Amino acid sequence: MMKKYVFIFFLFFFSGFGAMYAQEDPADRQSQTIDNFVLNEEVSMYPNPVERYLTIRSTQPITRVQIFSLLGDLVMDESKNFIRIDLHRLNSGIYMIKIHSNQFHVTKKLVKK
């Protein structure tokens, strides 16, 4: 009886890994990583740490800027005025900023004084 349950456990366990592996395309992940690396070099933001206004410069057109807490909560979402973003509403701390450019995005660390 125990062998039957062990067999069923391993059957479900390995079928889950197969499904996860089948959904992932290594070629897509590699090209996206390269593109994100290139975009990371083309996007700059200053000052960091920031007191009130954050300036973002990019050679790519920016379509959206999102700011997340370290817990992953979305605290700010901007879809316009990317050059100078007013951060007076944010508390002091460390955040992650996600800068979107057409089909690519880059994530950077942001420190708010």
PDB file of N, CA and C in Angstrom:
ATOM      1  N   MET A   1       0.822  -1.185   0.000  1.00  0.00           N
ATOM      2  CA  MET A   1       0.000   0.000   0.000  1.00  0.00           C
ATOM      3  C   MET A   1       0.875   1.260   0.000  1.00  0.00           C
ATOM      4  N   MET A   2       1.946   1.253   0.775  1.00  0.00           N
ATOM      5  CA  MET A   2       2.838   2.403   0.864  1.00  0.00           C
ATOM      6  C   MET A   2       3.525   2.666  -0.474  1.00  0.00           C
ATOM      7  N   LYS A   3       3.888   1.608  -1.206  1.00  0.00           N
ATOM      8  CA  LYS A   3       4.545   1.754  -2.496  1.00  0.00           C
ATOM      9  C   LYS A   3       3.635   2.487  -3.483  1.00  0.00           C
ATOM     10  N   LYS A   4       2.356   2.248  -3.370  1.00  0.00           N
ATOM     11  CA  LYS A   4       1.393   2.895  -4.269  1.00  0.00           C
ATOM     12  C   LYS A   4       1.394   4.407  -4.047  1.00  0.00           C
ATOM     13  N   TYR A   5       1.388   4.850  -2.791  1.00  0.00           N
ATOM     14  CA  TYR A   5       1.395   6.280  -2.487  1.00  0.00           C
ATOM     15  C   TYR A   5       2.709   6.945  -2.877  1.00  0.00           C
ATOM     16  N   VAL A   6       3.812   6.255  -2.667  1.00  0.00           N
ATOM     17  CA  VAL A   6       5.111   6.792  -3.066  1.00  0.00           C
ATOM     18  C   VAL A   6       5.165   6.954  -4.578  1.00  0.00           C
ATOM     19  N   PHE A   7       4.665   5.962  -5.302  1.00  0.00           N
ATOM     20  CA  PHE A   7       4.635   6.046  -6.755  1.00  0.00           C
ATOM     21  C   PHE A   7       3.787   7.230  -7.220  1.00  0.00           C
ATOM     22  N   ILE A   8       2.610   7.404  -6.637  1.00  0.00           N
ATOM     23  CA  ILE A   8       1.728   8.519  -7.009  1.00  0.00           C
ATOM     24  C   ILE A   8       2.391   9.850  -6.688  1.00  0.00           C
ATOM     25  N   PHE A   9       3.061   9.940  -5.530  1.00  0.00           N
ATOM     26  CA  PHE A   9       3.756  11.176  -5.153  1.00  0.00           C
ATOM     27  C   PHE A   9       4.811  11.551  -6.189  1.00  0.00           C
ATOM     28  N   PHE A  10       5.656  10.591  -6.558  1.00  0.00           N
ATOM     29  CA  PHE A  10       6.699  10.870  -7.540  1.00  0.00           C
ATOM     30  C   PHE A  10       6.120  11.177  -8.918  1.00  0.00           C
ATOM     31  N   LEU A  11       5.017  10.544  -9.258  1.00  0.00           N
ATOM     32  CA  LEU A  11       4.367  10.814 -10.538  1.00  0.00           C
ATOM     33  C   LEU A  11       3.922  12.276 -10.616  1.00  0.00           C
ATOM     34  N   PHE A  12       3.244  12.746  -9.577  1.00  0.00           N
ATOM     35  CA  PHE A  12       2.816  14.149  -9.556  1.00  0.00           C
ATOM     36  C   PHE A  12       3.996  15.100  -9.456  1.00  0.00           C
ATOM     37  N   PHE A  13       4.990  14.734  -8.671  1.00  0.00           N
ATOM     38  CA  PHE A  13       6.156  15.583  -8.477  1.00  0.00           C
ATOM     39  C   PHE A  13       6.893  15.824  -9.788  1.00  0.00           C
ATOM     40  N   PHE A  14       7.186  14.764 -10.512  1.00  0.00           N
ATOM     41  CA  PHE A  14       7.940  14.905 -11.755  1.00  0.00           C
ATOM     42  C   PHE A  14       7.092  15.447 -12.899  1.00  0.00           C
ATOM     43  N   SER A  15       5.798  15.189 -12.902  1.00  0.00           N
ATOM     44  CA  SER A  15       4.949  15.772 -13.949  1.00  0.00           C
ATOM     45  C   SER A  15       4.871  17.283 -13.777  1.00  0.00           C
ATOM     46  N   GLY A  16       4.921  17.779 -12.543  1.00  0.00           N
ATOM     47  CA  GLY A  16       4.943  19.226 -12.305  1.00  0.00           C
ATOM     48  C   GLY A  16       6.208  19.854 -12.835  1.00  0.00           C
ATOM     49  N   PHE A  17       7.348  19.207 -12.637  1.00  0.00           N
ATOM     50  CA  PHE A  17       8.602  19.730 -13.172  1.00  0.00           C
ATOM     51  C   PHE A  17       8.598  19.743 -14.688  1.00  0.00           C
ATOM     52  N   GLY A  18       8.014  18.706 -15.292  1.00  0.00           N
ATOM     53  CA  GLY A  18       7.936  18.657 -16.750  1.00  0.00           C
ATOM     54  C   GLY A  18       7.094  19.782 -17.296  1.00  0.00           C
ATOM     55  N   ALA A  19       5.991  20.085 -16.630  1.00  0.00           N
ATOM     56  CA  ALA A  19       5.118  21.170 -17.081  1.00  0.00           C
ATOM     57  C   ALA A  19       5.826  22.515 -16.949  1.00  0.00           C
ATOM     58  N   MET A  20       6.546  22.722 -15.844  1.00  0.00           N
ATOM     59  CA  MET A  20       7.270  23.984 -15.665  1.00  0.00           C
ATOM     60  C   MET A  20       8.370  24.108 -16.706  1.00  0.00           C
ATOM     61  N   TYR A  21       9.085  23.041 -16.989  1.00  0.00           N
ATOM     62  CA  TYR A  21      10.177  23.070 -17.951  1.00  0.00           C
ATOM     63  C   TYR A  21       9.654  23.309 -19.359  1.00  0.00           C
ATOM     64  N   ALA A  22       8.482  22.741 -19.683  1.00  0.00           N
ATOM     65  CA  ALA A  22       7.919  22.894 -21.020  1.00  0.00           C
ATOM     66  C   ALA A  22       7.454  24.322 -21.269  1.00  0.00           C
ATOM     67  N   GLN A  23       7.058  25.046 -20.233  1.00  0.00           N
ATOM     68  CA  GLN A  23       6.567  26.413 -20.393  1.00  0.00           C
ATOM     69  C   GLN A  23       7.701  27.410 -20.567  1.00  0.00           C
ATOM     70  N   GLU A  24       8.887  27.070 -20.153  1.00  0.00           N
ATOM     71  CA  GLU A  24      10.017  27.986 -20.204  1.00  0.00           C
ATOM     72  C   GLU A  24      10.768  27.804 -21.506  1.00  0.00           C
ATOM     73  N   ASP A  25      11.038  28.893 -22.185  1.00  0.00           N
ATOM     74  CA  ASP A  25      11.825  28.850 -23.412  1.00  0.00           C
ATOM     75  C   ASP A  25      13.163  29.532 -23.144  1.00  0.00           C
ATOM     76  N   PRO A  26      14.252  28.768 -23.041  1.00  0.00           N
ATOM     77  CA  PRO A  26      15.551  29.354 -22.709  1.00  0.00           C
ATOM     78  C   PRO A  26      15.995  30.422 -23.701  1.00  0.00           C
ATOM     79  N   ALA A  27      15.638  30.297 -24.971  1.00  0.00           N
ATOM     80  CA  ALA A  27      16.041  31.300 -25.960  1.00  0.00           C
ATOM     81  C   ALA A  27      15.372  32.634 -25.669  1.00  0.00           C
ATOM     82  N   ASP A  28      14.091  32.618 -25.277  1.00  0.00           N
ATOM     83  CA  ASP A  28      13.396  33.861 -24.934  1.00  0.00           C
ATOM     84  C   ASP A  28      14.023  34.500 -23.710  1.00  0.00           C
ATOM     85  N   ARG A  29      14.329  33.703 -22.695  1.00  0.00           N
ATOM     86  CA  ARG A  29      14.904  34.243 -21.473  1.00  0.00           C
ATOM     87  C   ARG A  29      16.269  34.860 -21.744  1.00  0.00           C
ATOM     88  N   GLN A  30      17.080  34.232 -22.585  1.00  0.00           N
ATOM     89  CA  GLN A  30      18.407  34.762 -22.884  1.00  0.00           C
ATOM     90  C   GLN A  30      18.306  36.082 -23.640  1.00  0.00           C
ATOM     91  N   SER A  31      17.438  36.177 -24.649  1.00  0.00           N
ATOM     92  CA  SER A  31      17.330  37.418 -25.409  1.00  0.00           C
ATOM     93  C   SER A  31      16.770  38.533 -24.551  1.00  0.00           C
ATOM     94  N   GLN A  32      15.835  38.216 -23.648  1.00  0.00           N
ATOM     95  CA  GLN A  32      15.275  39.234 -22.778  1.00  0.00           C
ATOM     96  C   GLN A  32      16.326  39.741 -21.800  1.00  0.00           C
ATOM     97  N   THR A  33      17.179  38.853 -21.292  1.00  0.00           N
ATOM     98  CA  THR A  33      18.242  39.250 -20.385  1.00  0.00           C
ATOM     99  C   THR A  33      19.226  40.177 -21.088  1.00  0.00           C
ATOM    100  N   ILE A  34      19.589  39.859 -22.294  1.00  0.00           N
ATOM    101  CA  ILE A  34      20.514  40.713 -23.041  1.00  0.00           C
ATOM    102  C   ILE A  34      19.887  42.075 -23.285  1.00  0.00           C
ATOM    103  N   ASP A  35      18.621  42.100 -23.692  1.00  0.00           N
ATOM    104  CA  ASP A  35      17.950  43.363 -23.950  1.00  0.00           C
ATOM    105  C   ASP A  35      17.821  44.194 -22.679  1.00  0.00           C
ATOM    106  N   ASN A  36      17.507  43.556 -21.542  1.00  0.00           N
ATOM    107  CA  ASN A  36      17.418  44.287 -20.290  1.00  0.00           C
ATOM    108  C   ASN A  36      18.766  44.845 -19.886  1.00  0.00           C
ATOM    109  N   PHE A  37      19.840  44.119 -20.143  1.00  0.00           N
ATOM    110  CA  PHE A  37      21.176  44.614 -19.824  1.00  0.00           C
ATOM    111  C   PHE A  37      21.507  45.842 -20.668  1.00  0.00           C
ATOM    112  N   VAL A  38      21.189  45.785 -21.943  1.00  0.00           N
ATOM    113  CA  VAL A  38      21.433  46.930 -22.827  1.00  0.00           C
ATOM    114  C   VAL A  38      20.601  48.115 -22.374  1.00  0.00           C
ATOM    115  N   LEU A  39      19.328  47.885 -22.036  1.00  0.00           N
ATOM    116  CA  LEU A  39      18.458  48.960 -21.588  1.00  0.00           C
ATOM    117  C   LEU A  39      18.947  49.535 -20.272  1.00  0.00           C
ATOM    118  N   ASN A  40      19.464  48.698 -19.383  1.00  0.00           N
ATOM    119  CA  ASN A  40      19.988  49.166 -18.100  1.00  0.00           C
ATOM    120  C   ASN A  40      21.106  50.175 -18.305  1.00  0.00           C
ATOM    121  N   GLU A  41      21.938  49.969 -19.290  1.00  0.00           N
ATOM    122  CA  GLU A  41      23.032  50.899 -19.574  1.00  0.00           C
ATOM    123  C   GLU A  41      22.526  52.190 -20.209  1.00  0.00           C
ATOM    124  N   GLU A  42      21.370  52.148 -20.859  1.00  0.00           N
ATOM    125  CA  GLU A  42      20.842  53.315 -21.558  1.00  0.00           C
ATOM    126  C   GLU A  42      19.909  54.158 -20.703  1.00  0.00           C
ATOM    127  N   VAL A  43      19.589  53.715 -19.499  1.00  0.00           N
ATOM    128  CA  VAL A  43      18.693  54.444 -18.605  1.00  0.00           C
ATOM    129  C   VAL A  43      19.486  54.926 -17.406  1.00  0.00           C
ATOM    130  N   SER A  44      19.372  56.224 -17.110  1.00  0.00           N
ATOM    131  CA  SER A  44      20.019  56.762 -15.913  1.00  0.00           C
ATOM    132  C   SER A  44      18.992  57.556 -15.121  1.00  0.00           C
ATOM    133  N   MET A  45      19.155  57.558 -13.809  1.00  0.00           N
ATOM    134  CA  MET A  45      18.276  58.335 -12.941  1.00  0.00           C
ATOM    135  C   MET A  45      19.121  58.998 -11.873  1.00  0.00           C
ATOM    136  N   TYR A  46      18.753  60.201 -11.541  1.00  0.00           N
ATOM    137  CA  TYR A  46      19.501  60.963 -10.544  1.00  0.00           C
ATOM    138  C   TYR A  46      18.594  62.003  -9.919  1.00  0.00           C
ATOM    139  N   PRO A  47      18.875  62.499  -8.757  1.00  0.00           N
ATOM    140  CA  PRO A  47      19.878  62.003  -7.808  1.00  0.00           C
ATOM    141  C   PRO A  47      19.394  60.718  -7.134  1.00  0.00           C
ATOM    142  N   ASN A  48      20.306  59.934  -6.702  1.00  0.00           N
ATOM    143  CA  ASN A  48      19.982  58.717  -5.964  1.00  0.00           C
ATOM    144  C   ASN A  48      21.003  58.563  -4.857  1.00  0.00           C
ATOM    145  N   PRO A  49      20.696  58.858  -3.630  1.00  0.00           N
ATOM    146  CA  PRO A  49      19.399  59.014  -2.998  1.00  0.00           C
ATOM    147  C   PRO A  49      18.708  60.334  -3.394  1.00  0.00           C
ATOM    148  N   VAL A  50      17.382  60.289  -3.402  1.00  0.00           N
ATOM    149  CA  VAL A  50      16.563  61.409  -3.835  1.00  0.00           C
ATOM    150  C   VAL A  50      15.793  61.975  -2.644  1.00  0.00           C
ATOM    151  N   GLU A  51      15.622  63.299  -2.636  1.00  0.00           N
ATOM    152  CA  GLU A  51      14.811  63.926  -1.585  1.00  0.00           C
ATOM    153  C   GLU A  51      13.380  64.154  -2.062  1.00  0.00           C
ATOM    154  N   ARG A  52      13.215  64.788  -3.244  1.00  0.00           N
ATOM    155  CA  ARG A  52      11.867  65.052  -3.736  1.00  0.00           C
ATOM    156  C   ARG A  52      11.696  64.709  -5.213  1.00  0.00           C
ATOM    157  N   TYR A  53      12.526  65.251  -6.078  1.00  0.00           N
ATOM    158  CA  TYR A  53      12.356  65.054  -7.519  1.00  0.00           C
ATOM    159  C   TYR A  53      13.400  64.095  -8.065  1.00  0.00           C
ATOM    160  N   LEU A  54      12.929  63.118  -8.825  1.00  0.00           N
ATOM    161  CA  LEU A  54      13.800  62.143  -9.480  1.00  0.00           C
ATOM    162  C   LEU A  54      13.784  62.436 -10.971  1.00  0.00           C
ATOM    163  N   THR A  55      14.962  62.525 -11.569  1.00  0.00           N
ATOM    164  CA  THR A  55      15.096  62.754 -12.998  1.00  0.00           C
ATOM    165  C   THR A  55      15.517  61.455 -13.667  1.00  0.00           C
ATOM    166  N   ILE A  56      14.828  61.094 -14.744  1.00  0.00           N
ATOM    167  CA  ILE A  56      15.148  59.877 -15.487  1.00  0.00           C
ATOM    168  C   ILE A  56      15.505  60.274 -16.909  1.00  0.00           C
ATOM    169  N   ARG A  57      16.638  59.795 -17.384  1.00  0.00           N
ATOM    170  CA  ARG A  57      17.097  60.026 -18.752  1.00  0.00           C
ATOM    171  C   ARG A  57      17.247  58.665 -19.430  1.00  0.00           C
ATOM    172  N   SER A  58      16.822  58.597 -20.692  1.00  0.00           N
ATOM    173  CA  SER A  58      16.908  57.345 -21.430  1.00  0.00           C
ATOM    174  C   SER A  58      17.029  57.622 -22.915  1.00  0.00           C
ATOM    175  N   THR A  59      17.784  56.765 -23.591  1.00  0.00           N
ATOM    176  CA  THR A  59      17.867  56.854 -25.050  1.00  0.00           C
ATOM    177  C   THR A  59      16.680  56.159 -25.694  1.00  0.00           C
ATOM    178  N   GLN A  60      15.988  55.301 -24.921  1.00  0.00           N
ATOM    179  CA  GLN A  60      14.776  54.616 -25.378  1.00  0.00           C
ATOM    180  C   GLN A  60      13.560  55.411 -24.899  1.00  0.00           C
ATOM    181  N   PRO A  61      12.450  55.382 -25.639  1.00  0.00           N
ATOM    182  CA  PRO A  61      11.245  56.066 -25.161  1.00  0.00           C
ATOM    183  C   PRO A  61      10.662  55.345 -23.947  1.00  0.00           C
ATOM    184  N   ILE A  62      10.424  56.070 -22.882  1.00  0.00           N
ATOM    185  CA  ILE A  62       9.871  55.502 -21.655  1.00  0.00           C
ATOM    186  C   ILE A  62       8.349  55.546 -21.747  1.00  0.00           C
ATOM    187  N   THR A  63       7.714  54.426 -21.406  1.00  0.00           N
ATOM    188  CA  THR A  63       6.261  54.355 -21.486  1.00  0.00           C
ATOM    189  C   THR A  63       5.583  54.326 -20.118  1.00  0.00           C
ATOM    190  N   ARG A  64       6.308  53.887 -19.092  1.00  0.00           N
ATOM    191  CA  ARG A  64       5.709  53.754 -17.766  1.00  0.00           C
ATOM    192  C   ARG A  64       6.805  53.623 -16.722  1.00  0.00           C
ATOM    193  N   VAL A  65       6.543  54.154 -15.522  1.00  0.00           N
ATOM    194  CA  VAL A  65       7.473  54.023 -14.397  1.00  0.00           C
ATOM    195  C   VAL A  65       6.672  53.547 -13.191  1.00  0.00           C
ATOM    196  N   GLN A  66       7.131  52.455 -12.587  1.00  0.00           N
ATOM    197  CA  GLN A  66       6.480  51.908 -11.399  1.00  0.00           C
ATOM    198  C   GLN A  66       7.494  51.864 -10.264  1.00  0.00           C
ATOM    199  N   ILE A  67       7.033  52.183  -9.052  1.00  0.00           N
ATOM    200  CA  ILE A  67       7.892  52.120  -7.873  1.00  0.00           C
ATOM    201  C   ILE A  67       7.267  51.133  -6.900  1.00  0.00           C
ATOM    202  N   PHE A  68       8.103  50.176  -6.446  1.00  0.00           N
ATOM    203  CA  PHE A  68       7.658  49.117  -5.547  1.00  0.00           C
ATOM    204  C   PHE A  68       8.416  49.207  -4.231  1.00  0.00           C
ATOM    205  N   SER A  69       7.734  48.835  -3.136  1.00  0.00           N
ATOM    206  CA  SER A  69       8.420  48.690  -1.856  1.00  0.00           C
ATOM    207  C   SER A  69       9.242  47.405  -1.912  1.00  0.00           C
ATOM    208  N   LEU A  70      10.090  47.198  -0.920  1.00  0.00           N
ATOM    209  CA  LEU A  70      10.888  45.975  -0.892  1.00  0.00           C
ATOM    210  C   LEU A  70      10.035  44.740  -0.630  1.00  0.00           C
ATOM    211  N   LEU A  71       8.807  44.941  -0.172  1.00  0.00           N
ATOM    212  CA  LEU A  71       7.885  43.829   0.021  1.00  0.00           C
ATOM    213  C   LEU A  71       7.144  43.477  -1.267  1.00  0.00           C
ATOM    214  N   GLY A  72       7.352  44.282  -2.320  1.00  0.00           N
ATOM    215  CA  GLY A  72       6.721  44.016  -3.602  1.00  0.00           C
ATOM    216  C   GLY A  72       5.426  44.760  -3.829  1.00  0.00           C
ATOM    217  N   ASP A  73       5.049  45.643  -2.905  1.00  0.00           N
ATOM    218  CA  ASP A  73       3.817  46.414  -3.059  1.00  0.00           C
ATOM    219  C   ASP A  73       4.053  47.574  -4.012  1.00  0.00           C
ATOM    220  N   LEU A  74       3.123  47.786  -4.929  1.00  0.00           N
ATOM    221  CA  LEU A  74       3.190  48.914  -5.851  1.00  0.00           C
ATOM    222  C   LEU A  74       2.797  50.169  -5.082  1.00  0.00           C
ATOM    223  N   VAL A  75       3.724  51.129  -4.956  1.00  0.00           N
ATOM    224  CA  VAL A  75       3.448  52.350  -4.203  1.00  0.00           C
ATOM    225  C   VAL A  75       3.254  53.559  -5.111  1.00  0.00           C
ATOM    226  N   MET A  76       3.701  53.464  -6.365  1.00  0.00           N
ATOM    227  CA  MET A  76       3.548  54.574  -7.294  1.00  0.00           C
ATOM    228  C   MET A  76       3.571  54.043  -8.714  1.00  0.00           C
ATOM    229  N   ASP A  77       2.694  54.586  -9.557  1.00  0.00           N
ATOM    230  CA  ASP A  77       2.611  54.159 -10.952  1.00  0.00           C
ATOM    231  C   ASP A  77       2.411  55.405 -11.808  1.00  0.00           C
ATOM    232  N   GLU A  78       3.411  55.752 -12.608  1.00  0.00           N
ATOM    233  CA  GLU A  78       3.364  56.946 -13.451  1.00  0.00           C
ATOM    234  C   GLU A  78       3.312  56.538 -14.910  1.00  0.00           C
ATOM    235  N   SER A  79       2.420  57.153 -15.657  1.00  0.00           N
ATOM    236  CA  SER A  79       2.348  56.882 -17.085  1.00  0.00           C
ATOM    237  C   SER A  79       2.579  58.145 -17.911  1.00  0.00           C
ATOM    238  N   LYS A  80       3.031  59.223 -17.247  1.00  0.00           N
ATOM    239  CA  LYS A  80       3.377  60.466 -17.937  1.00  0.00           C
ATOM    240  C   LYS A  80       4.390  61.235 -17.086  1.00  0.00           C
ATOM    241  N   ASN A  81       5.002  62.249 -17.669  1.00  0.00           N
ATOM    242  CA  ASN A  81       5.987  63.088 -16.988  1.00  0.00           C
ATOM    243  C   ASN A  81       7.121  62.261 -16.382  1.00  0.00           C
ATOM    244  N   PHE A  82       7.860  61.560 -17.248  1.00  0.00           N
ATOM    245  CA  PHE A  82       8.920  60.684 -16.771  1.00  0.00           C
ATOM    246  C   PHE A  82      10.233  61.413 -16.511  1.00  0.00           C
ATOM    247  N   ILE A  83      10.382  62.580 -17.056  1.00  0.00           N
ATOM    248  CA  ILE A  83      11.652  63.277 -16.901  1.00  0.00           C
ATOM    249  C   ILE A  83      11.865  63.723 -15.462  1.00  0.00           C
ATOM    250  N   ARG A  84      10.808  64.215 -14.814  1.00  0.00           N
ATOM    251  CA  ARG A  84      10.928  64.690 -13.442  1.00  0.00           C
ATOM    252  C   ARG A  84       9.737  64.162 -12.645  1.00  0.00           C
ATOM    253  N   ILE A  85      10.000  63.210 -11.762  1.00  0.00           N
ATOM    254  CA  ILE A  85       8.943  62.571 -10.981  1.00  0.00           C
ATOM    255  C   ILE A  85       9.001  63.089  -9.547  1.00  0.00           C
ATOM    256  N   ASP A  86       7.867  63.552  -9.043  1.00  0.00           N
ATOM    257  CA  ASP A  86       7.768  64.071  -7.677  1.00  0.00           C
ATOM    258  C   ASP A  86       7.532  62.910  -6.715  1.00  0.00           C
ATOM    259  N   LEU A  87       8.467  62.704  -5.788  1.00  0.00           N
ATOM    260  CA  LEU A  87       8.400  61.584  -4.852  1.00  0.00           C
ATOM    261  C   LEU A  87       8.107  62.031  -3.423  1.00  0.00           C
ATOM    262  N   HIS A  88       7.505  63.211  -3.252  1.00  0.00           N
ATOM    263  CA  HIS A  88       7.265  63.723  -1.904  1.00  0.00           C
ATOM    264  C   HIS A  88       6.307  62.838  -1.106  1.00  0.00           C
ATOM    265  N   ARG A  89       5.459  62.048  -1.785  1.00  0.00           N
ATOM    266  CA  ARG A  89       4.495  61.185  -1.095  1.00  0.00           C
ATOM    267  C   ARG A  89       5.141  59.939  -0.497  1.00  0.00           C
ATOM    268  N   LEU A  90       6.330  59.587  -0.956  1.00  0.00           N
ATOM    269  CA  LEU A  90       6.985  58.366  -0.470  1.00  0.00           C
ATOM    270  C   LEU A  90       7.680  58.616   0.862  1.00  0.00           C
ATOM    271  N   ASN A  91       7.622  57.621   1.737  1.00  0.00           N
ATOM    272  CA  ASN A  91       8.373  57.676   2.992  1.00  0.00           C
ATOM    273  C   ASN A  91       9.842  57.398   2.706  1.00  0.00           C
ATOM    274  N   SER A  92      10.707  57.785   3.625  1.00  0.00           N
ATOM    275  CA  SER A  92      12.127  57.476   3.489  1.00  0.00           C
ATOM    276  C   SER A  92      12.316  55.971   3.487  1.00  0.00           C
ATOM    277  N   GLY A  93      13.226  55.502   2.637  1.00  0.00           N
ATOM    278  CA  GLY A  93      13.483  54.070   2.590  1.00  0.00           C
ATOM    279  C   GLY A  93      14.054  53.645   1.256  1.00  0.00           C
ATOM    280  N   ILE A  94      14.114  52.343   1.055  1.00  0.00           N
ATOM    281  CA  ILE A  94      14.657  51.763  -0.171  1.00  0.00           C
ATOM    282  C   ILE A  94      13.500  51.194  -0.986  1.00  0.00           C
ATOM    283  N   TYR A  95      13.509  51.491  -2.278  1.00  0.00           N
ATOM    284  CA  TYR A  95      12.464  51.058  -3.191  1.00  0.00           C
ATOM    285  C   TYR A  95      13.107  50.457  -4.432  1.00  0.00           C
ATOM    286  N   MET A  96      12.303  49.743  -5.200  1.00  0.00           N
ATOM    287  CA  MET A  96      12.717  49.252  -6.512  1.00  0.00           C
ATOM    288  C   MET A  96      11.899  50.014  -7.544  1.00  0.00           C
ATOM    289  N   ILE A  97      12.575  50.564  -8.549  1.00  0.00           N
ATOM    290  CA  ILE A  97      11.895  51.316  -9.589  1.00  0.00           C
ATOM    291  C   ILE A  97      11.991  50.524 -10.882  1.00  0.00           C
ATOM    292  N   LYS A  98      10.860  50.335 -11.533  1.00  0.00           N
ATOM    293  CA  LYS A  98      10.788  49.580 -12.784  1.00  0.00           C
ATOM    294  C   LYS A  98      10.455  50.580 -13.890  1.00  0.00           C
ATOM    295  N   ILE A  99      11.363  50.704 -14.838  1.00  0.00           N
ATOM    296  CA  ILE A  99      11.221  51.660 -15.936  1.00  0.00           C
ATOM    297  C   ILE A  99      10.922  50.854 -17.198  1.00  0.00           C
ATOM    298  N   HIS A 100       9.752  51.120 -17.780  1.00  0.00           N
ATOM    299  CA  HIS A 100       9.299  50.391 -18.967  1.00  0.00           C
ATOM    300  C   HIS A 100       9.612  51.196 -20.220  1.00  0.00           C
ATOM    301  N   SER A 101      10.044  50.491 -21.248  1.00  0.00           N
ATOM    302  CA  SER A 101      10.319  51.099 -22.539  1.00  0.00           C
ATOM    303  C   SER A 101       9.820  50.166 -23.622  1.00  0.00           C
ATOM    304  N   ASN A 102       8.669  50.478 -24.210  1.00  0.00           N
ATOM    305  CA  ASN A 102       8.023  49.638 -25.222  1.00  0.00           C
ATOM    306  C   ASN A 102       7.892  48.208 -24.709  1.00  0.00           C
ATOM    307  N   GLN A 103       8.588  47.240 -25.288  1.00  0.00           N
ATOM    308  CA  GLN A 103       8.439  45.863 -24.846  1.00  0.00           C
ATOM    309  C   GLN A 103       9.479  45.450 -23.801  1.00  0.00           C
ATOM    310  N   PHE A 104      10.373  46.348 -23.387  1.00  0.00           N
ATOM    311  CA  PHE A 104      11.408  46.021 -22.420  1.00  0.00           C
ATOM    312  C   PHE A 104      11.197  46.792 -21.125  1.00  0.00           C
ATOM    313  N   HIS A 105      11.855  46.335 -20.082  1.00  0.00           N
ATOM    314  CA  HIS A 105      11.851  47.060 -18.811  1.00  0.00           C
ATOM    315  C   HIS A 105      13.168  46.816 -18.087  1.00  0.00           C
ATOM    316  N   VAL A 106      13.497  47.755 -17.205  1.00  0.00           N
ATOM    317  CA  VAL A 106      14.688  47.610 -16.376  1.00  0.00           C
ATOM    318  C   VAL A 106      14.294  47.975 -14.950  1.00  0.00           C
ATOM    319  N   THR A 107      14.877  47.269 -13.991  1.00  0.00           N
ATOM    320  CA  THR A 107      14.581  47.509 -12.570  1.00  0.00           C
ATOM    321  C   THR A 107      15.841  47.980 -11.884  1.00  0.00           C
ATOM    322  N   LYS A 108      15.719  49.067 -11.118  1.00  0.00           N
ATOM    323  CA  LYS A 108      16.859  49.622 -10.396  1.00  0.00           C
ATOM    324  C   LYS A 108      16.475  49.901  -8.950  1.00  0.00           C
ATOM    325  N   LYS A 109      17.490  50.058  -8.121  1.00  0.00           N
ATOM    326  CA  LYS A 109      17.270  50.388  -6.729  1.00  0.00           C
ATOM    327  C   LYS A 109      17.162  51.897  -6.572  1.00  0.00           C
ATOM    328  N   LEU A 110      16.221  52.344  -5.736  1.00  0.00           N
ATOM    329  CA  LEU A 110      16.010  53.761  -5.488  1.00  0.00           C
ATOM    330  C   LEU A 110      16.006  53.993  -3.986  1.00  0.00           C
ATOM    331  N   VAL A 111      16.760  54.988  -3.536  1.00  0.00           N
ATOM    332  CA  VAL A 111      16.805  55.335  -2.110  1.00  0.00           C
ATOM    333  C   VAL A 111      16.154  56.701  -1.940  1.00  0.00           C
ATOM    334  N   LYS A 112      15.155  56.758  -1.054  1.00  0.00           N
ATOM    335  CA  LYS A 112      14.442  58.004  -0.762  1.00  0.00           C
ATOM    336  C   LYS A 112      14.890  58.498   0.599  1.00  0.00           C
ATOM    337  N   LYS A 113      15.376  59.743   0.642  1.00  0.00           N
ATOM    338  CA  LYS A 113      15.803  60.335   1.924  1.00  0.00           C
ATOM    339  C   LYS A 113      14.603  60.764   2.736  1.00  0.00           C
TER     340      LYS A 113
END
